[in-house]
């Protein structure tokens, strides 16, 4: 492994500083310039202060349950990992991802370091990170499709949502097909890995970057390392991933109901649709943990067609939701 030169370190430092400045500008712009146009912070604060201790306590308990559910995903995808170890690694990596620019990549590095210190091999750790990421993305792509279908049964849907969901369905079907072919045989895995490498290399050449190599061999290694795990644990992993995502949705739904947003104002299906589409948007690493972007996405999606007092309640619920799910893992 080569040691980075001083020039490379400087470029990396400058890149992190630029990322931090851009992230800060986006967050300030959203919370100072955009969110007050949706609802007055004074009305939002009054709504939050009106919540009872019972409502706050139940939300915190549901938020803690939401944290626990992802530990189930981690133990499902890495045989031998205990729940305490999953809790430590998950909370540490989440805290880094939620506070630092490019924190997601740094969080993965912390996860690798912790798992290695507990005796897990590099191959096992890589497999767990890749497979859990794939399963999470499968759910993220699938939820908007389910939400749109439910929405279509109860009310009119925007044509833009239909197009977006069809694109999501095509992406999900394509991703599952590619994943299934990789697991089918070494020959297919190598062919698909090399094909993907050529495609990515062509895109990298457009920005004058070096080509990708070795993806065929990596796909074969991934297949050999993964097929046994998935044959034994795919059902457990799928159930744990679904429970994790739906638990996060439950925190948002309960927050809306606790601040006074009734079912006839914003239905649980509309909340699910907003949750599903914002989850897709939050995958883009614009700010640490999607700070600002997620809040604006929820406030805009849930505030369509409601009056100003309800918009204030929605913004209050979104902020409470984010305090519990974004800030709670950090301490």
C-alpha atoms as a PDB file:
ATOM      1  CA  UNK A   1       0.000   0.000   0.000  1.00  0.00           C
ATOM      2  CA  UNK A   2       1.493   3.342  -1.074  1.00  0.00           C
ATOM      3  CA  UNK A   3       1.824   6.253   1.341  1.00  0.00           C
ATOM      4  CA  UNK A   4       0.083   9.474   0.229  1.00  0.00           C
ATOM      5  CA  UNK A   5       2.440  12.291  -0.730  1.00  0.00           C
ATOM      6  CA  UNK A   6       2.302  15.727   0.891  1.00  0.00           C
ATOM      7  CA  UNK A   7       0.618  17.126  -2.216  1.00  0.00           C
ATOM      8  CA  UNK A   8      -2.060  14.400  -2.087  1.00  0.00           C
ATOM      9  CA  UNK A   9      -2.650  15.098   1.606  1.00  0.00           C
ATOM     10  CA  UNK A  10      -3.051  18.813   0.883  1.00  0.00           C
ATOM     11  CA  UNK A  11      -5.515  18.111  -1.920  1.00  0.00           C
ATOM     12  CA  UNK A  12      -7.490  15.785   0.345  1.00  0.00           C
ATOM     13  CA  UNK A  13      -7.544  18.433   3.098  1.00  0.00           C
ATOM     14  CA  UNK A  14      -8.664  21.137   0.670  1.00  0.00           C
ATOM     15  CA  UNK A  15     -11.370  18.807  -0.655  1.00  0.00           C
ATOM     16  CA  UNK A  16     -12.683  18.162   2.867  1.00  0.00           C
ATOM     17  CA  UNK A  17     -12.679  21.893   3.646  1.00  0.00           C
ATOM     18  CA  UNK A  18     -14.579  22.684   0.438  1.00  0.00           C
ATOM     19  CA  UNK A  19     -17.080  19.908   1.196  1.00  0.00           C
ATOM     20  CA  UNK A  20     -17.549  21.315   4.702  1.00  0.00           C
ATOM     21  CA  UNK A  21     -18.109  24.865   3.444  1.00  0.00           C
ATOM     22  CA  UNK A  22     -20.624  23.707   0.813  1.00  0.00           C
ATOM     23  CA  UNK A  23     -22.470  21.557   3.357  1.00  0.00           C
ATOM     24  CA  UNK A  24     -22.628  24.428   5.840  1.00  0.00           C
ATOM     25  CA  UNK A  25     -23.900  26.823   3.158  1.00  0.00           C
ATOM     26  CA  UNK A  26     -26.635  24.366   2.150  1.00  0.00           C
ATOM     27  CA  UNK A  27     -27.729  23.803   5.759  1.00  0.00           C
ATOM     28  CA  UNK A  28     -27.793  27.525   6.603  1.00  0.00           C
ATOM     29  CA  UNK A  29     -29.579  28.345   3.356  1.00  0.00           C
ATOM     30  CA  UNK A  30     -32.297  25.787   4.040  1.00  0.00           C
ATOM     31  CA  UNK A  31     -32.907  26.560   7.712  1.00  0.00           C
ATOM     32  CA  UNK A  32     -32.531  30.347   7.436  1.00  0.00           C
ATOM     33  CA  UNK A  33     -33.779  31.072   3.950  1.00  0.00           C
ATOM     34  CA  UNK A  34     -36.256  28.359   2.974  1.00  0.00           C
ATOM     35  CA  UNK A  35     -37.872  26.719   5.995  1.00  0.00           C
ATOM     36  CA  UNK A  36     -39.232  30.012   7.459  1.00  0.00           C
ATOM     37  CA  UNK A  37     -41.127  30.499   4.189  1.00  0.00           C
ATOM     38  CA  UNK A  38     -42.950  27.222   4.821  1.00  0.00           C
ATOM     39  CA  UNK A  39     -43.806  27.929   8.467  1.00  0.00           C
ATOM     40  CA  UNK A  40     -42.920  30.481  11.130  1.00  0.00           C
ATOM     41  CA  UNK A  41     -40.410  29.176  13.636  1.00  0.00           C
ATOM     42  CA  UNK A  42     -42.432  30.867  16.367  1.00  0.00           C
ATOM     43  CA  UNK A  43     -45.513  28.799  15.491  1.00  0.00           C
ATOM     44  CA  UNK A  44     -43.346  25.705  15.175  1.00  0.00           C
ATOM     45  CA  UNK A  45     -41.863  26.207  18.640  1.00  0.00           C
ATOM     46  CA  UNK A  46     -45.297  26.781  20.163  1.00  0.00           C
ATOM     47  CA  UNK A  47     -46.431  23.471  18.654  1.00  0.00           C
ATOM     48  CA  UNK A  48     -43.440  21.606  20.059  1.00  0.00           C
ATOM     49  CA  UNK A  49     -43.893  23.133  23.522  1.00  0.00           C
ATOM     50  CA  UNK A  50     -47.534  21.986  23.531  1.00  0.00           C
ATOM     51  CA  UNK A  51     -46.474  18.329  23.390  1.00  0.00           C
ATOM     52  CA  UNK A  52     -47.018  16.395  26.618  1.00  0.00           C
ATOM     53  CA  UNK A  53     -44.313  14.469  28.452  1.00  0.00           C
ATOM     54  CA  UNK A  54     -46.126  11.246  27.569  1.00  0.00           C
ATOM     55  CA  UNK A  55     -45.955  12.110  23.863  1.00  0.00           C
ATOM     56  CA  UNK A  56     -42.260  13.006  24.086  1.00  0.00           C
ATOM     57  CA  UNK A  57     -41.472   9.858  26.064  1.00  0.00           C
ATOM     58  CA  UNK A  58     -43.250   7.556  23.618  1.00  0.00           C
ATOM     59  CA  UNK A  59     -41.423   9.183  20.712  1.00  0.00           C
ATOM     60  CA  UNK A  60     -38.051   8.724  22.393  1.00  0.00           C
ATOM     61  CA  UNK A  61     -38.852   5.067  23.111  1.00  0.00           C
ATOM     62  CA  UNK A  62     -39.848   4.472  19.491  1.00  0.00           C
ATOM     63  CA  UNK A  63     -36.659   6.265  18.424  1.00  0.00           C
ATOM     64  CA  UNK A  64     -34.589   3.954  20.631  1.00  0.00           C
ATOM     65  CA  UNK A  65     -36.376   0.948  19.139  1.00  0.00           C
ATOM     66  CA  UNK A  66     -35.505   2.287  15.700  1.00  0.00           C
ATOM     67  CA  UNK A  67     -31.821   2.265  16.678  1.00  0.00           C
ATOM     68  CA  UNK A  68     -32.064  -1.311  17.938  1.00  0.00           C
ATOM     69  CA  UNK A  69     -33.631  -2.566  14.714  1.00  0.00           C
ATOM     70  CA  UNK A  70     -30.511  -1.789  12.687  1.00  0.00           C
ATOM     71  CA  UNK A  71     -28.416  -3.834  15.066  1.00  0.00           C
ATOM     72  CA  UNK A  72     -30.565  -6.755  13.909  1.00  0.00           C
ATOM     73  CA  UNK A  73     -29.487  -6.051  10.330  1.00  0.00           C
ATOM     74  CA  UNK A  74     -25.819  -5.988  11.311  1.00  0.00           C
ATOM     75  CA  UNK A  75     -25.967  -9.258  13.259  1.00  0.00           C
ATOM     76  CA  UNK A  76     -27.869 -10.887  10.395  1.00  0.00           C
ATOM     77  CA  UNK A  77     -25.266  -9.934   7.816  1.00  0.00           C
ATOM     78  CA  UNK A  78     -22.161 -10.748   9.909  1.00  0.00           C
ATOM     79  CA  UNK A  79     -22.316 -14.158  11.651  1.00  0.00           C
ATOM     80  CA  UNK A  80     -20.653 -14.023  15.075  1.00  0.00           C
ATOM     81  CA  UNK A  81     -21.314 -10.331  15.695  1.00  0.00           C
ATOM     82  CA  UNK A  82     -23.032  -9.755  19.039  1.00  0.00           C
ATOM     83  CA  UNK A  83     -25.713  -7.167  19.712  1.00  0.00           C
ATOM     84  CA  UNK A  84     -23.446  -5.070  22.010  1.00  0.00           C
ATOM     85  CA  UNK A  85     -20.774  -5.014  19.283  1.00  0.00           C
ATOM     86  CA  UNK A  86     -23.384  -4.081  16.674  1.00  0.00           C
ATOM     87  CA  UNK A  87     -24.614  -1.275  18.938  1.00  0.00           C
ATOM     88  CA  UNK A  88     -21.127   0.159  19.482  1.00  0.00           C
ATOM     89  CA  UNK A  89     -20.055   0.050  15.839  1.00  0.00           C
ATOM     90  CA  UNK A  90     -23.397   1.310  14.505  1.00  0.00           C
ATOM     91  CA  UNK A  91     -23.692   4.241  16.904  1.00  0.00           C
ATOM     92  CA  UNK A  92     -20.074   5.295  16.379  1.00  0.00           C
ATOM     93  CA  UNK A  93     -20.276   5.166  12.579  1.00  0.00           C
ATOM     94  CA  UNK A  94     -23.689   6.885  12.584  1.00  0.00           C
ATOM     95  CA  UNK A  95     -22.400   9.701  14.809  1.00  0.00           C
ATOM     96  CA  UNK A  96     -19.496  10.287  12.405  1.00  0.00           C
ATOM     97  CA  UNK A  97     -21.758  10.138   9.339  1.00  0.00           C
ATOM     98  CA  UNK A  98     -24.137  12.674  10.921  1.00  0.00           C
ATOM     99  CA  UNK A  99     -21.488  15.208  11.919  1.00  0.00           C
ATOM    100  CA  UNK A 100     -18.634  15.231   9.386  1.00  0.00           C
ATOM    101  CA  UNK A 101     -18.479  16.054   5.657  1.00  0.00           C
ATOM    102  CA  UNK A 102     -18.076  12.770   3.744  1.00  0.00           C
ATOM    103  CA  UNK A 103     -18.874  11.182   7.089  1.00  0.00           C
ATOM    104  CA  UNK A 104     -20.445   8.143   5.446  1.00  0.00           C
ATOM    105  CA  UNK A 105     -17.079   6.998   4.071  1.00  0.00           C
ATOM    106  CA  UNK A 106     -15.346   7.773   7.363  1.00  0.00           C
ATOM    107  CA  UNK A 107     -18.030   5.831   9.208  1.00  0.00           C
ATOM    108  CA  UNK A 108     -17.313   2.778   7.054  1.00  0.00           C
ATOM    109  CA  UNK A 109     -13.636   3.113   7.980  1.00  0.00           C
ATOM    110  CA  UNK A 110     -14.511   3.173  11.677  1.00  0.00           C
ATOM    111  CA  UNK A 111     -16.692   0.085  11.204  1.00  0.00           C
ATOM    112  CA  UNK A 112     -13.798  -1.748   9.541  1.00  0.00           C
ATOM    113  CA  UNK A 113     -11.440  -0.820  12.389  1.00  0.00           C
ATOM    114  CA  UNK A 114     -13.866  -1.969  15.085  1.00  0.00           C
ATOM    115  CA  UNK A 115     -14.759  -5.237  13.359  1.00  0.00           C
ATOM    116  CA  UNK A 116     -11.069  -6.004  12.777  1.00  0.00           C
ATOM    117  CA  UNK A 117     -10.306  -5.403  16.460  1.00  0.00           C
ATOM    118  CA  UNK A 118     -12.956  -8.015  17.321  1.00  0.00           C
ATOM    119  CA  UNK A 119     -11.279 -10.623  15.112  1.00  0.00           C
ATOM    120  CA  UNK A 120     -13.395 -10.484  11.949  1.00  0.00           C
ATOM    121  CA  UNK A 121     -11.508 -10.886   8.679  1.00  0.00           C
ATOM    122  CA  UNK A 122     -11.375  -8.179   6.056  1.00  0.00           C
ATOM    123  CA  UNK A 123     -13.340 -10.349   3.627  1.00  0.00           C
ATOM    124  CA  UNK A 124     -16.142 -10.900   6.157  1.00  0.00           C
ATOM    125  CA  UNK A 125     -16.333  -7.202   6.987  1.00  0.00           C
ATOM    126  CA  UNK A 126     -16.393  -6.193   3.322  1.00  0.00           C
ATOM    127  CA  UNK A 127     -19.116  -8.744   2.623  1.00  0.00           C
ATOM    128  CA  UNK A 128     -21.251  -7.471   5.507  1.00  0.00           C
ATOM    129  CA  UNK A 129     -20.916  -3.823   4.459  1.00  0.00           C
ATOM    130  CA  UNK A 130     -21.679  -4.572   0.797  1.00  0.00           C
ATOM    131  CA  UNK A 131     -24.604  -6.930   1.421  1.00  0.00           C
ATOM    132  CA  UNK A 132     -26.275  -4.693   4.027  1.00  0.00           C
ATOM    133  CA  UNK A 133     -25.870  -1.753   1.640  1.00  0.00           C
ATOM    134  CA  UNK A 134     -27.436  -3.732  -1.207  1.00  0.00           C
ATOM    135  CA  UNK A 135     -30.403  -4.806   0.922  1.00  0.00           C
ATOM    136  CA  UNK A 136     -30.936  -1.243   2.168  1.00  0.00           C
ATOM    137  CA  UNK A 137     -30.929   0.048  -1.395  1.00  0.00           C
ATOM    138  CA  UNK A 138     -33.378  -2.654  -2.462  1.00  0.00           C
ATOM    139  CA  UNK A 139     -35.801  -1.427   0.222  1.00  0.00           C
ATOM    140  CA  UNK A 140     -35.188   2.237  -0.657  1.00  0.00           C
ATOM    141  CA  UNK A 141     -36.029   1.523  -4.298  1.00  0.00           C
ATOM    142  CA  UNK A 142     -39.016  -0.663  -3.420  1.00  0.00           C
ATOM    143  CA  UNK A 143     -40.748   1.569  -0.868  1.00  0.00           C
ATOM    144  CA  UNK A 144     -41.690   4.354  -3.340  1.00  0.00           C
ATOM    145  CA  UNK A 145     -43.304   1.747  -5.588  1.00  0.00           C
ATOM    146  CA  UNK A 146     -45.364   0.329  -2.706  1.00  0.00           C
ATOM    147  CA  UNK A 147     -46.281   3.825  -1.513  1.00  0.00           C
ATOM    148  CA  UNK A 148     -47.402   4.913  -4.981  1.00  0.00           C
ATOM    149  CA  UNK A 149     -49.556   1.797  -5.388  1.00  0.00           C
ATOM    150  CA  UNK A 150     -51.249   2.480  -2.043  1.00  0.00           C
ATOM    151  CA  UNK A 151     -51.642   6.157  -2.936  1.00  0.00           C
ATOM    152  CA  UNK A 152     -53.238   5.277  -6.274  1.00  0.00           C
ATOM    153  CA  UNK A 153     -55.874   3.200  -4.461  1.00  0.00           C
ATOM    154  CA  UNK A 154     -56.958   6.102  -2.258  1.00  0.00           C
ATOM    155  CA  UNK A 155     -56.448   9.345  -4.195  1.00  0.00           C
ATOM    156  CA  UNK A 156     -55.246  10.887  -7.440  1.00  0.00           C
ATOM    157  CA  UNK A 157     -51.524  10.689  -8.073  1.00  0.00           C
ATOM    158  CA  UNK A 158     -49.315  13.127  -9.915  1.00  0.00           C
ATOM    159  CA  UNK A 159     -47.982  11.934 -13.277  1.00  0.00           C
ATOM    160  CA  UNK A 160     -44.479  12.926 -12.168  1.00  0.00           C
ATOM    161  CA  UNK A 161     -44.749  10.486  -9.259  1.00  0.00           C
ATOM    162  CA  UNK A 162     -45.903   7.770 -11.637  1.00  0.00           C
ATOM    163  CA  UNK A 163     -42.883   8.315 -13.899  1.00  0.00           C
ATOM    164  CA  UNK A 164     -40.498   8.440 -10.918  1.00  0.00           C
ATOM    165  CA  UNK A 165     -41.933   5.222  -9.514  1.00  0.00           C
ATOM    166  CA  UNK A 166     -41.702   3.442 -12.865  1.00  0.00           C
ATOM    167  CA  UNK A 167     -38.069   4.490 -13.086  1.00  0.00           C
ATOM    168  CA  UNK A 168     -37.556   3.214  -9.551  1.00  0.00           C
ATOM    169  CA  UNK A 169     -39.267  -0.071 -10.438  1.00  0.00           C
ATOM    170  CA  UNK A 170     -37.008  -0.486 -13.471  1.00  0.00           C
ATOM    171  CA  UNK A 171     -33.917   0.269 -11.373  1.00  0.00           C
ATOM    172  CA  UNK A 172     -35.011  -2.165  -8.674  1.00  0.00           C
ATOM    173  CA  UNK A 173     -35.746  -4.911 -11.197  1.00  0.00           C
ATOM    174  CA  UNK A 174     -32.411  -4.297 -12.915  1.00  0.00           C
ATOM    175  CA  UNK A 175     -30.483  -4.300  -9.638  1.00  0.00           C
ATOM    176  CA  UNK A 176     -32.122  -7.532  -8.444  1.00  0.00           C
ATOM    177  CA  UNK A 177     -31.497  -9.161 -11.837  1.00  0.00           C
ATOM    178  CA  UNK A 178     -27.818  -8.212 -11.862  1.00  0.00           C
ATOM    179  CA  UNK A 179     -27.406  -9.354  -8.264  1.00  0.00           C
ATOM    180  CA  UNK A 180     -29.108 -12.666  -9.012  1.00  0.00           C
ATOM    181  CA  UNK A 181     -26.928 -13.266 -12.087  1.00  0.00           C
ATOM    182  CA  UNK A 182     -23.773 -12.568 -10.096  1.00  0.00           C
ATOM    183  CA  UNK A 183     -24.814 -15.218  -7.566  1.00  0.00           C
ATOM    184  CA  UNK A 184     -25.748 -17.729 -10.281  1.00  0.00           C
ATOM    185  CA  UNK A 185     -22.254 -18.740 -11.455  1.00  0.00           C
ATOM    186  CA  UNK A 186     -18.611 -17.684 -11.435  1.00  0.00           C
ATOM    187  CA  UNK A 187     -18.694 -17.213 -15.216  1.00  0.00           C
ATOM    188  CA  UNK A 188     -21.654 -14.828 -15.090  1.00  0.00           C
ATOM    189  CA  UNK A 189     -20.197 -12.995 -12.118  1.00  0.00           C
ATOM    190  CA  UNK A 190     -16.922 -12.402 -13.966  1.00  0.00           C
ATOM    191  CA  UNK A 191     -18.667 -11.326 -17.191  1.00  0.00           C
ATOM    192  CA  UNK A 192     -20.947  -8.885 -15.369  1.00  0.00           C
ATOM    193  CA  UNK A 193     -18.100  -7.511 -13.260  1.00  0.00           C
ATOM    194  CA  UNK A 194     -15.990  -6.852 -16.348  1.00  0.00           C
ATOM    195  CA  UNK A 195     -18.961  -5.319 -18.201  1.00  0.00           C
ATOM    196  CA  UNK A 196     -19.682  -2.951 -15.328  1.00  0.00           C
ATOM    197  CA  UNK A 197     -15.980  -2.072 -15.155  1.00  0.00           C
ATOM    198  CA  UNK A 198     -15.948  -1.148 -18.855  1.00  0.00           C
ATOM    199  CA  UNK A 199     -19.030   1.011 -18.419  1.00  0.00           C
ATOM    200  CA  UNK A 200     -17.612   2.837 -15.388  1.00  0.00           C
ATOM    201  CA  UNK A 201     -14.222   3.199 -17.086  1.00  0.00           C
ATOM    202  CA  UNK A 202     -15.901   4.861 -20.077  1.00  0.00           C
ATOM    203  CA  UNK A 203     -17.588   7.355 -17.740  1.00  0.00           C
ATOM    204  CA  UNK A 204     -14.318   7.973 -15.893  1.00  0.00           C
ATOM    205  CA  UNK A 205     -12.525   8.703 -19.168  1.00  0.00           C
ATOM    206  CA  UNK A 206     -14.969  11.549 -19.770  1.00  0.00           C
ATOM    207  CA  UNK A 207     -13.569  13.265 -16.670  1.00  0.00           C
ATOM    208  CA  UNK A 208      -9.979  12.167 -17.411  1.00  0.00           C
ATOM    209  CA  UNK A 209      -9.796   9.524 -14.679  1.00  0.00           C
ATOM    210  CA  UNK A 210      -7.978   6.210 -14.915  1.00  0.00           C
ATOM    211  CA  UNK A 211      -9.968   3.098 -15.956  1.00  0.00           C
ATOM    212  CA  UNK A 212     -11.341   0.492 -13.551  1.00  0.00           C
ATOM    213  CA  UNK A 213      -9.761  -2.965 -13.478  1.00  0.00           C
ATOM    214  CA  UNK A 214     -10.249  -6.187 -11.546  1.00  0.00           C
ATOM    215  CA  UNK A 215     -14.032  -5.998 -11.132  1.00  0.00           C
ATOM    216  CA  UNK A 216     -14.533  -9.406 -12.753  1.00  0.00           C
ATOM    217  CA  UNK A 217     -12.285 -11.166 -10.238  1.00  0.00           C
ATOM    218  CA  UNK A 218     -13.829  -9.121  -7.409  1.00  0.00           C
ATOM    219  CA  UNK A 219     -17.334 -10.187  -8.494  1.00  0.00           C
ATOM    220  CA  UNK A 220     -16.287 -13.843  -8.427  1.00  0.00           C
ATOM    221  CA  UNK A 221     -14.782 -13.456  -4.948  1.00  0.00           C
ATOM    222  CA  UNK A 222     -17.927 -11.669  -3.790  1.00  0.00           C
ATOM    223  CA  UNK A 223     -20.108 -14.482  -5.130  1.00  0.00           C
ATOM    224  CA  UNK A 224     -18.038 -17.158  -3.427  1.00  0.00           C
ATOM    225  CA  UNK A 225     -18.021 -15.273  -0.127  1.00  0.00           C
ATOM    226  CA  UNK A 226     -21.701 -14.323  -0.241  1.00  0.00           C
ATOM    227  CA  UNK A 227     -23.657 -17.266  -1.615  1.00  0.00           C
ATOM    228  CA  UNK A 228     -23.421 -19.299   1.599  1.00  0.00           C
ATOM    229  CA  UNK A 229     -24.422 -16.369   3.801  1.00  0.00           C
ATOM    230  CA  UNK A 230     -27.463 -15.486   1.708  1.00  0.00           C
ATOM    231  CA  UNK A 231     -28.654 -19.059   1.335  1.00  0.00           C
ATOM    232  CA  UNK A 232     -28.808 -19.319   5.139  1.00  0.00           C
ATOM    233  CA  UNK A 233     -29.777 -15.772   6.115  1.00  0.00           C
ATOM    234  CA  UNK A 234     -31.536 -13.983   3.257  1.00  0.00           C
ATOM    235  CA  UNK A 235     -34.943 -14.224   4.936  1.00  0.00           C
ATOM    236  CA  UNK A 236     -33.659 -12.993   8.291  1.00  0.00           C
ATOM    237  CA  UNK A 237     -31.748 -10.178   6.589  1.00  0.00           C
ATOM    238  CA  UNK A 238     -34.752  -9.135   4.494  1.00  0.00           C
ATOM    239  CA  UNK A 239     -37.081  -9.100   7.513  1.00  0.00           C
ATOM    240  CA  UNK A 240     -34.587  -7.144   9.634  1.00  0.00           C
ATOM    241  CA  UNK A 241     -34.027  -4.557   6.880  1.00  0.00           C
ATOM    242  CA  UNK A 242     -37.769  -4.043   6.354  1.00  0.00           C
ATOM    243  CA  UNK A 243     -38.369  -3.698  10.099  1.00  0.00           C
ATOM    244  CA  UNK A 244     -35.534  -1.152  10.326  1.00  0.00           C
ATOM    245  CA  UNK A 245     -36.916   1.061   7.548  1.00  0.00           C
ATOM    246  CA  UNK A 246     -40.526   0.815   8.718  1.00  0.00           C
ATOM    247  CA  UNK A 247     -39.492   1.624  12.304  1.00  0.00           C
ATOM    248  CA  UNK A 248     -37.942   4.858  11.059  1.00  0.00           C
ATOM    249  CA  UNK A 249     -41.173   5.620   9.199  1.00  0.00           C
ATOM    250  CA  UNK A 250     -43.118   4.927  12.408  1.00  0.00           C
ATOM    251  CA  UNK A 251     -41.119   7.606  14.260  1.00  0.00           C
ATOM    252  CA  UNK A 252     -42.143  10.170  11.622  1.00  0.00           C
ATOM    253  CA  UNK A 253     -45.786   9.083  11.641  1.00  0.00           C
ATOM    254  CA  UNK A 254     -46.085   9.186  15.442  1.00  0.00           C
ATOM    255  CA  UNK A 255     -44.363  12.589  15.553  1.00  0.00           C
ATOM    256  CA  UNK A 256     -46.969  13.955  13.128  1.00  0.00           C
ATOM    257  CA  UNK A 257     -49.854  12.561  15.151  1.00  0.00           C
ATOM    258  CA  UNK A 258     -48.415  13.780  18.464  1.00  0.00           C
ATOM    259  CA  UNK A 259     -48.171  17.392  17.258  1.00  0.00           C
ATOM    260  CA  UNK A 260     -51.784  17.324  16.068  1.00  0.00           C
ATOM    261  CA  UNK A 261     -51.663  16.421  12.364  1.00  0.00           C
ATOM    262  CA  UNK A 262     -54.715  14.188  11.961  1.00  0.00           C
ATOM    263  CA  UNK A 263     -55.223  11.292   9.543  1.00  0.00           C
ATOM    264  CA  UNK A 264     -57.767  13.296   7.507  1.00  0.00           C
ATOM    265  CA  UNK A 265     -55.195  16.072   7.048  1.00  0.00           C
ATOM    266  CA  UNK A 266     -52.196  13.936   6.089  1.00  0.00           C
ATOM    267  CA  UNK A 267     -52.926  10.219   5.737  1.00  0.00           C
ATOM    268  CA  UNK A 268     -50.484   7.500   6.758  1.00  0.00           C
ATOM    269  CA  UNK A 269     -50.165   6.582   3.083  1.00  0.00           C
ATOM    270  CA  UNK A 270     -49.093  10.125   2.162  1.00  0.00           C
ATOM    271  CA  UNK A 271     -46.601  10.025   5.030  1.00  0.00           C
ATOM    272  CA  UNK A 272     -45.252   6.719   3.698  1.00  0.00           C
ATOM    273  CA  UNK A 273     -44.948   8.168   0.199  1.00  0.00           C
ATOM    274  CA  UNK A 274     -43.085  11.246   1.462  1.00  0.00           C
ATOM    275  CA  UNK A 275     -40.859   9.054   3.611  1.00  0.00           C
ATOM    276  CA  UNK A 276     -40.053   6.747   0.699  1.00  0.00           C
ATOM    277  CA  UNK A 277     -39.131   9.492  -1.758  1.00  0.00           C
ATOM    278  CA  UNK A 278     -37.132  11.534   0.755  1.00  0.00           C
ATOM    279  CA  UNK A 279     -35.185   8.389   1.665  1.00  0.00           C
ATOM    280  CA  UNK A 280     -34.115   8.195  -1.977  1.00  0.00           C
ATOM    281  CA  UNK A 281     -33.077  11.856  -2.012  1.00  0.00           C
ATOM    282  CA  UNK A 282     -31.135  11.506   1.244  1.00  0.00           C
ATOM    283  CA  UNK A 283     -28.890   8.902  -0.408  1.00  0.00           C
ATOM    284  CA  UNK A 284     -27.115  11.815  -2.136  1.00  0.00           C
ATOM    285  CA  UNK A 285     -24.253  12.944   0.179  1.00  0.00           C
ATOM    286  CA  UNK A 286     -24.969  16.690  -0.027  1.00  0.00           C
ATOM    287  CA  UNK A 287     -24.703  17.293   3.728  1.00  0.00           C
ATOM    288  CA  UNK A 288     -23.751  15.038   6.682  1.00  0.00           C
ATOM    289  CA  UNK A 289     -26.689  12.739   7.322  1.00  0.00           C
ATOM    290  CA  UNK A 290     -28.778  14.731   4.842  1.00  0.00           C
ATOM    291  CA  UNK A 291     -29.067  17.581   7.376  1.00  0.00           C
ATOM    292  CA  UNK A 292     -31.322  20.305   5.997  1.00  0.00           C
ATOM    293  CA  UNK A 293     -32.097  18.428   2.786  1.00  0.00           C
ATOM    294  CA  UNK A 294     -34.172  15.793   4.588  1.00  0.00           C
ATOM    295  CA  UNK A 295     -36.070  18.346   6.686  1.00  0.00           C
ATOM    296  CA  UNK A 296     -36.905  20.421   3.632  1.00  0.00           C
ATOM    297  CA  UNK A 297     -37.961  17.334   1.664  1.00  0.00           C
ATOM    298  CA  UNK A 298     -40.385  16.167   4.353  1.00  0.00           C
ATOM    299  CA  UNK A 299     -41.783  19.653   4.988  1.00  0.00           C
ATOM    300  CA  UNK A 300     -42.367  20.269   1.278  1.00  0.00           C
ATOM    301  CA  UNK A 301     -43.819  16.827   0.505  1.00  0.00           C
ATOM    302  CA  UNK A 302     -46.137  16.684   3.525  1.00  0.00           C
ATOM    303  CA  UNK A 303     -47.179  20.338   3.348  1.00  0.00           C
ATOM    304  CA  UNK A 304     -48.808  20.144  -0.093  1.00  0.00           C
ATOM    305  CA  UNK A 305     -52.448  21.284   0.023  1.00  0.00           C
ATOM    306  CA  UNK A 306     -52.694  22.016   3.758  1.00  0.00           C
ATOM    307  CA  UNK A 307     -53.302  25.317   5.572  1.00  0.00           C
ATOM    308  CA  UNK A 308     -50.643  27.385   7.361  1.00  0.00           C
ATOM    309  CA  UNK A 309     -51.354  26.109  10.914  1.00  0.00           C
ATOM    310  CA  UNK A 310     -51.026  22.522   9.688  1.00  0.00           C
ATOM    311  CA  UNK A 311     -47.792  23.400   7.889  1.00  0.00           C
ATOM    312  CA  UNK A 312     -46.412  24.682  11.203  1.00  0.00           C
ATOM    313  CA  UNK A 313     -47.398  21.389  12.829  1.00  0.00           C
ATOM    314  CA  UNK A 314     -45.748  19.423  10.012  1.00  0.00           C
ATOM    315  CA  UNK A 315     -42.485  21.358  10.328  1.00  0.00           C
ATOM    316  CA  UNK A 316     -42.603  20.852  14.114  1.00  0.00           C
ATOM    317  CA  UNK A 317     -43.094  17.107  13.649  1.00  0.00           C
ATOM    318  CA  UNK A 318     -40.260  16.915  11.121  1.00  0.00           C
ATOM    319  CA  UNK A 319     -37.859  18.740  13.455  1.00  0.00           C
ATOM    320  CA  UNK A 320     -38.827  16.528  16.399  1.00  0.00           C
ATOM    321  CA  UNK A 321     -38.402  13.470  14.180  1.00  0.00           C
ATOM    322  CA  UNK A 322     -34.939  14.600  13.127  1.00  0.00           C
ATOM    323  CA  UNK A 323     -33.841  15.403  16.670  1.00  0.00           C
ATOM    324  CA  UNK A 324     -34.746  11.851  17.687  1.00  0.00           C
ATOM    325  CA  UNK A 325     -33.342  10.041  14.636  1.00  0.00           C
ATOM    326  CA  UNK A 326     -30.420  12.325  13.660  1.00  0.00           C
ATOM    327  CA  UNK A 327     -29.123  13.714  16.952  1.00  0.00           C
ATOM    328  CA  UNK A 328     -30.030  10.876  19.345  1.00  0.00           C
ATOM    329  CA  UNK A 329     -27.322   8.487  18.019  1.00  0.00           C
ATOM    330  CA  UNK A 330     -24.568  11.100  18.469  1.00  0.00           C
ATOM    331  CA  UNK A 331     -24.392  11.278  22.318  1.00  0.00           C
END
